[in-house]
Amino acid sequence: SDFYNLEHVTMRHGHPDRPLHFVATPSFPLRVRVIDATTRQPVPDIGVNAYSQTPYTSVYHPMRTDSDGRVAVKNLPLSAVGLHIFARGYEEPGLDPIPLPHDEEILIELTPKT
């Protein structure tokens, strides 16, 4: 079933005895694969943080790559998603925000430190 992110809640005329109005927006998944730029092999067990912000919500998803270098996050709001990669022994990649929806898996190539 579809999951919706609650965007904001308002009270009618500021009175608590009035009905509340809820606004929900569709959510979107994001799939990422991290590989070593030199060997082209997956980079397992590294930290990947996904974050996004809308005027009403802030979302933060800390994850770790699996043995195939993959992570996936569901239920992100329609916005640009930032990624921060924590990988010892690799240069920190400069990543642009990823606009959602994004149907394809994002491939991130990490460069080993020299």
C-alpha atoms as a PDB file:
ATOM      1  CA  SER A   1       0.000   0.000   0.000  1.00  0.00           C
ATOM      2  CA  ASP A   2       1.065   3.596  -0.521  1.00  0.00           C
ATOM      3  CA  PHE A   3       2.611   5.509   2.326  1.00  0.00           C
ATOM      4  CA  TYR A   4       2.059   9.227   2.691  1.00  0.00           C
ATOM      5  CA  ASN A   5       4.173  11.753   4.550  1.00  0.00           C
ATOM      6  CA  LEU A   6       2.222  14.100   6.764  1.00  0.00           C
ATOM      7  CA  GLU A   7       3.146  17.579   5.583  1.00  0.00           C
ATOM      8  CA  HIS A   8       1.398  19.792   8.084  1.00  0.00           C
ATOM      9  CA  VAL A   9      -1.482  20.052  10.522  1.00  0.00           C
ATOM     10  CA  THR A  10      -3.551  23.158  11.087  1.00  0.00           C
ATOM     11  CA  MET A  11      -6.411  23.947  13.382  1.00  0.00           C
ATOM     12  CA  ARG A  12      -9.400  25.757  11.999  1.00  0.00           C
ATOM     13  CA  HIS A  13      -9.511  29.300  13.342  1.00  0.00           C
ATOM     14  CA  GLY A  14      -7.021  28.282  16.051  1.00  0.00           C
ATOM     15  CA  HIS A  15      -9.676  26.587  18.187  1.00  0.00           C
ATOM     16  CA  PRO A  16      -8.932  23.140  19.613  1.00  0.00           C
ATOM     17  CA  ASP A  17     -12.609  22.159  19.549  1.00  0.00           C
ATOM     18  CA  ARG A  18     -12.705  22.492  15.757  1.00  0.00           C
ATOM     19  CA  PRO A  19     -11.790  19.702  13.293  1.00  0.00           C
ATOM     20  CA  LEU A  20      -8.137  19.367  12.369  1.00  0.00           C
ATOM     21  CA  HIS A  21      -7.140  19.486   8.713  1.00  0.00           C
ATOM     22  CA  PHE A  22      -4.380  17.113   7.585  1.00  0.00           C
ATOM     23  CA  VAL A  23      -2.388  17.383   4.383  1.00  0.00           C
ATOM     24  CA  ALA A  24      -0.578  14.263   3.184  1.00  0.00           C
ATOM     25  CA  THR A  25       1.784  13.937   0.242  1.00  0.00           C
ATOM     26  CA  PRO A  26       2.934  10.798  -1.613  1.00  0.00           C
ATOM     27  CA  SER A  27       6.277   9.312  -0.660  1.00  0.00           C
ATOM     28  CA  PHE A  28       9.032   7.974  -2.889  1.00  0.00           C
ATOM     29  CA  PRO A  29      11.822   5.372  -2.655  1.00  0.00           C
ATOM     30  CA  LEU A  30      15.509   5.863  -3.405  1.00  0.00           C
ATOM     31  CA  ARG A  31      18.004   3.101  -4.263  1.00  0.00           C
ATOM     32  CA  VAL A  32      21.778   3.626  -4.104  1.00  0.00           C
ATOM     33  CA  ARG A  33      24.771   1.421  -4.941  1.00  0.00           C
ATOM     34  CA  VAL A  34      28.303   2.338  -3.854  1.00  0.00           C
ATOM     35  CA  ILE A  35      31.339   0.929  -5.678  1.00  0.00           C
ATOM     36  CA  ASP A  36      35.113   1.408  -5.611  1.00  0.00           C
ATOM     37  CA  ALA A  37      36.034   3.611  -8.617  1.00  0.00           C
ATOM     38  CA  THR A  38      39.282   1.692  -9.204  1.00  0.00           C
ATOM     39  CA  THR A  39      38.254  -1.949  -8.799  1.00  0.00           C
ATOM     40  CA  ARG A  40      34.556  -1.485  -9.723  1.00  0.00           C
ATOM     41  CA  GLN A  41      33.713  -3.738  -6.740  1.00  0.00           C
ATOM     42  CA  PRO A  42      30.919  -2.975  -4.243  1.00  0.00           C
ATOM     43  CA  VAL A  43      31.885  -1.193  -1.023  1.00  0.00           C
ATOM     44  CA  PRO A  44      30.100  -3.002   1.834  1.00  0.00           C
ATOM     45  CA  ASP A  45      29.328  -1.849   5.369  1.00  0.00           C
ATOM     46  CA  ILE A  46      29.828   1.904   4.981  1.00  0.00           C
ATOM     47  CA  GLY A  47      27.598   4.656   6.312  1.00  0.00           C
ATOM     48  CA  VAL A  48      25.157   6.378   3.974  1.00  0.00           C
ATOM     49  CA  ASN A  49      22.889   9.099   5.297  1.00  0.00           C
ATOM     50  CA  ALA A  50      19.933  10.303   3.248  1.00  0.00           C
ATOM     51  CA  TYR A  51      18.286  13.572   4.208  1.00  0.00           C
ATOM     52  CA  SER A  52      15.649  15.855   2.765  1.00  0.00           C
ATOM     53  CA  GLN A  53      13.755  18.902   3.844  1.00  0.00           C
ATOM     54  CA  THR A  54      10.471  20.466   2.815  1.00  0.00           C
ATOM     55  CA  PRO A  55       8.836  23.546   4.326  1.00  0.00           C
ATOM     56  CA  TYR A  56       7.017  21.269   6.811  1.00  0.00           C
ATOM     57  CA  THR A  57       9.174  18.172   7.263  1.00  0.00           C
ATOM     58  CA  SER A  58      12.758  17.130   7.776  1.00  0.00           C
ATOM     59  CA  VAL A  59      13.746  13.513   7.072  1.00  0.00           C
ATOM     60  CA  TYR A  60      16.995  11.792   8.038  1.00  0.00           C
ATOM     61  CA  HIS A  61      17.791   8.119   7.287  1.00  0.00           C
ATOM     62  CA  PRO A  62      21.114   6.676   8.508  1.00  0.00           C
ATOM     63  CA  MET A  63      21.941   3.389   6.753  1.00  0.00           C
ATOM     64  CA  ARG A  64      24.800   0.971   6.038  1.00  0.00           C
ATOM     65  CA  THR A  65      25.517  -0.620   2.674  1.00  0.00           C
ATOM     66  CA  ASP A  66      24.930  -4.366   2.351  1.00  0.00           C
ATOM     67  CA  SER A  67      27.466  -6.864   0.984  1.00  0.00           C
ATOM     68  CA  ASP A  68      26.618  -5.728  -2.552  1.00  0.00           C
ATOM     69  CA  GLY A  69      27.193  -2.026  -1.703  1.00  0.00           C
ATOM     70  CA  ARG A  70      23.479  -1.229  -1.790  1.00  0.00           C
ATOM     71  CA  VAL A  71      21.111   0.757   0.405  1.00  0.00           C
ATOM     72  CA  ALA A  72      17.488   1.651  -0.120  1.00  0.00           C
ATOM     73  CA  VAL A  73      15.182   4.029   1.647  1.00  0.00           C
ATOM     74  CA  LYS A  74      11.413   4.228   1.306  1.00  0.00           C
ATOM     75  CA  ASN A  75       8.948   6.952   2.145  1.00  0.00           C
ATOM     76  CA  LEU A  76      10.895  10.069   1.239  1.00  0.00           C
ATOM     77  CA  PRO A  77       8.900  13.237   0.556  1.00  0.00           C
ATOM     78  CA  LEU A  78       8.860  14.825  -2.895  1.00  0.00           C
ATOM     79  CA  SER A  79      11.992  16.958  -2.662  1.00  0.00           C
ATOM     80  CA  ALA A  80      15.684  16.852  -3.414  1.00  0.00           C
ATOM     81  CA  VAL A  81      17.508  14.238  -1.326  1.00  0.00           C
ATOM     82  CA  GLY A  82      21.032  14.767  -0.094  1.00  0.00           C
ATOM     83  CA  LEU A  83      23.428  11.886   0.537  1.00  0.00           C
ATOM     84  CA  HIS A  84      26.428  11.841   2.832  1.00  0.00           C
ATOM     85  CA  ILE A  85      28.837   8.901   2.565  1.00  0.00           C
ATOM     86  CA  PHE A  86      31.112   7.787   5.437  1.00  0.00           C
ATOM     87  CA  ALA A  87      33.767   5.452   4.010  1.00  0.00           C
ATOM     88  CA  ARG A  88      37.150   5.061   5.706  1.00  0.00           C
ATOM     89  CA  GLY A  89      39.977   4.930   3.164  1.00  0.00           C
ATOM     90  CA  TYR A  90      38.020   6.805   0.466  1.00  0.00           C
ATOM     91  CA  GLU A  91      37.773  10.427  -0.594  1.00  0.00           C
ATOM     92  CA  GLU A  92      34.516  12.087   0.400  1.00  0.00           C
ATOM     93  CA  PRO A  93      32.424  12.319  -2.768  1.00  0.00           C
ATOM     94  CA  GLY A  94      30.931  15.665  -3.744  1.00  0.00           C
ATOM     95  CA  LEU A  95      27.324  14.740  -4.399  1.00  0.00           C
ATOM     96  CA  ASP A  96      24.595  16.974  -5.783  1.00  0.00           C
ATOM     97  CA  PRO A  97      21.087  16.629  -4.318  1.00  0.00           C
ATOM     98  CA  ILE A  98      19.001  13.996  -6.100  1.00  0.00           C
ATOM     99  CA  PRO A  99      15.531  15.144  -7.185  1.00  0.00           C
ATOM    100  CA  LEU A 100      12.655  12.767  -6.458  1.00  0.00           C
ATOM    101  CA  PRO A 101      10.998  10.831  -7.909  1.00  0.00           C
ATOM    102  CA  HIS A 102      14.040   8.981  -9.250  1.00  0.00           C
ATOM    103  CA  ASP A 103      13.247   5.584 -10.736  1.00  0.00           C
ATOM    104  CA  GLU A 104      16.782   4.322 -11.385  1.00  0.00           C
ATOM    105  CA  GLU A 105      19.376   3.142  -8.894  1.00  0.00           C
ATOM    106  CA  ILE A 106      21.973   5.837  -8.140  1.00  0.00           C
ATOM    107  CA  LEU A 107      25.548   4.632  -8.689  1.00  0.00           C
ATOM    108  CA  ILE A 108      28.193   6.306  -6.526  1.00  0.00           C
ATOM    109  CA  GLU A 109      31.868   5.663  -7.287  1.00  0.00           C
ATOM    110  CA  LEU A 110      34.264   6.197  -4.383  1.00  0.00           C
ATOM    111  CA  THR A 111      37.898   7.092  -5.053  1.00  0.00           C
ATOM    112  CA  PRO A 112      40.443   5.465  -2.710  1.00  0.00           C
ATOM    113  CA  LYS A 113      42.643   7.877  -0.751  1.00  0.00           C
ATOM    114  CA  THR A 114      46.258   7.889  -1.867  1.00  0.00           C
END
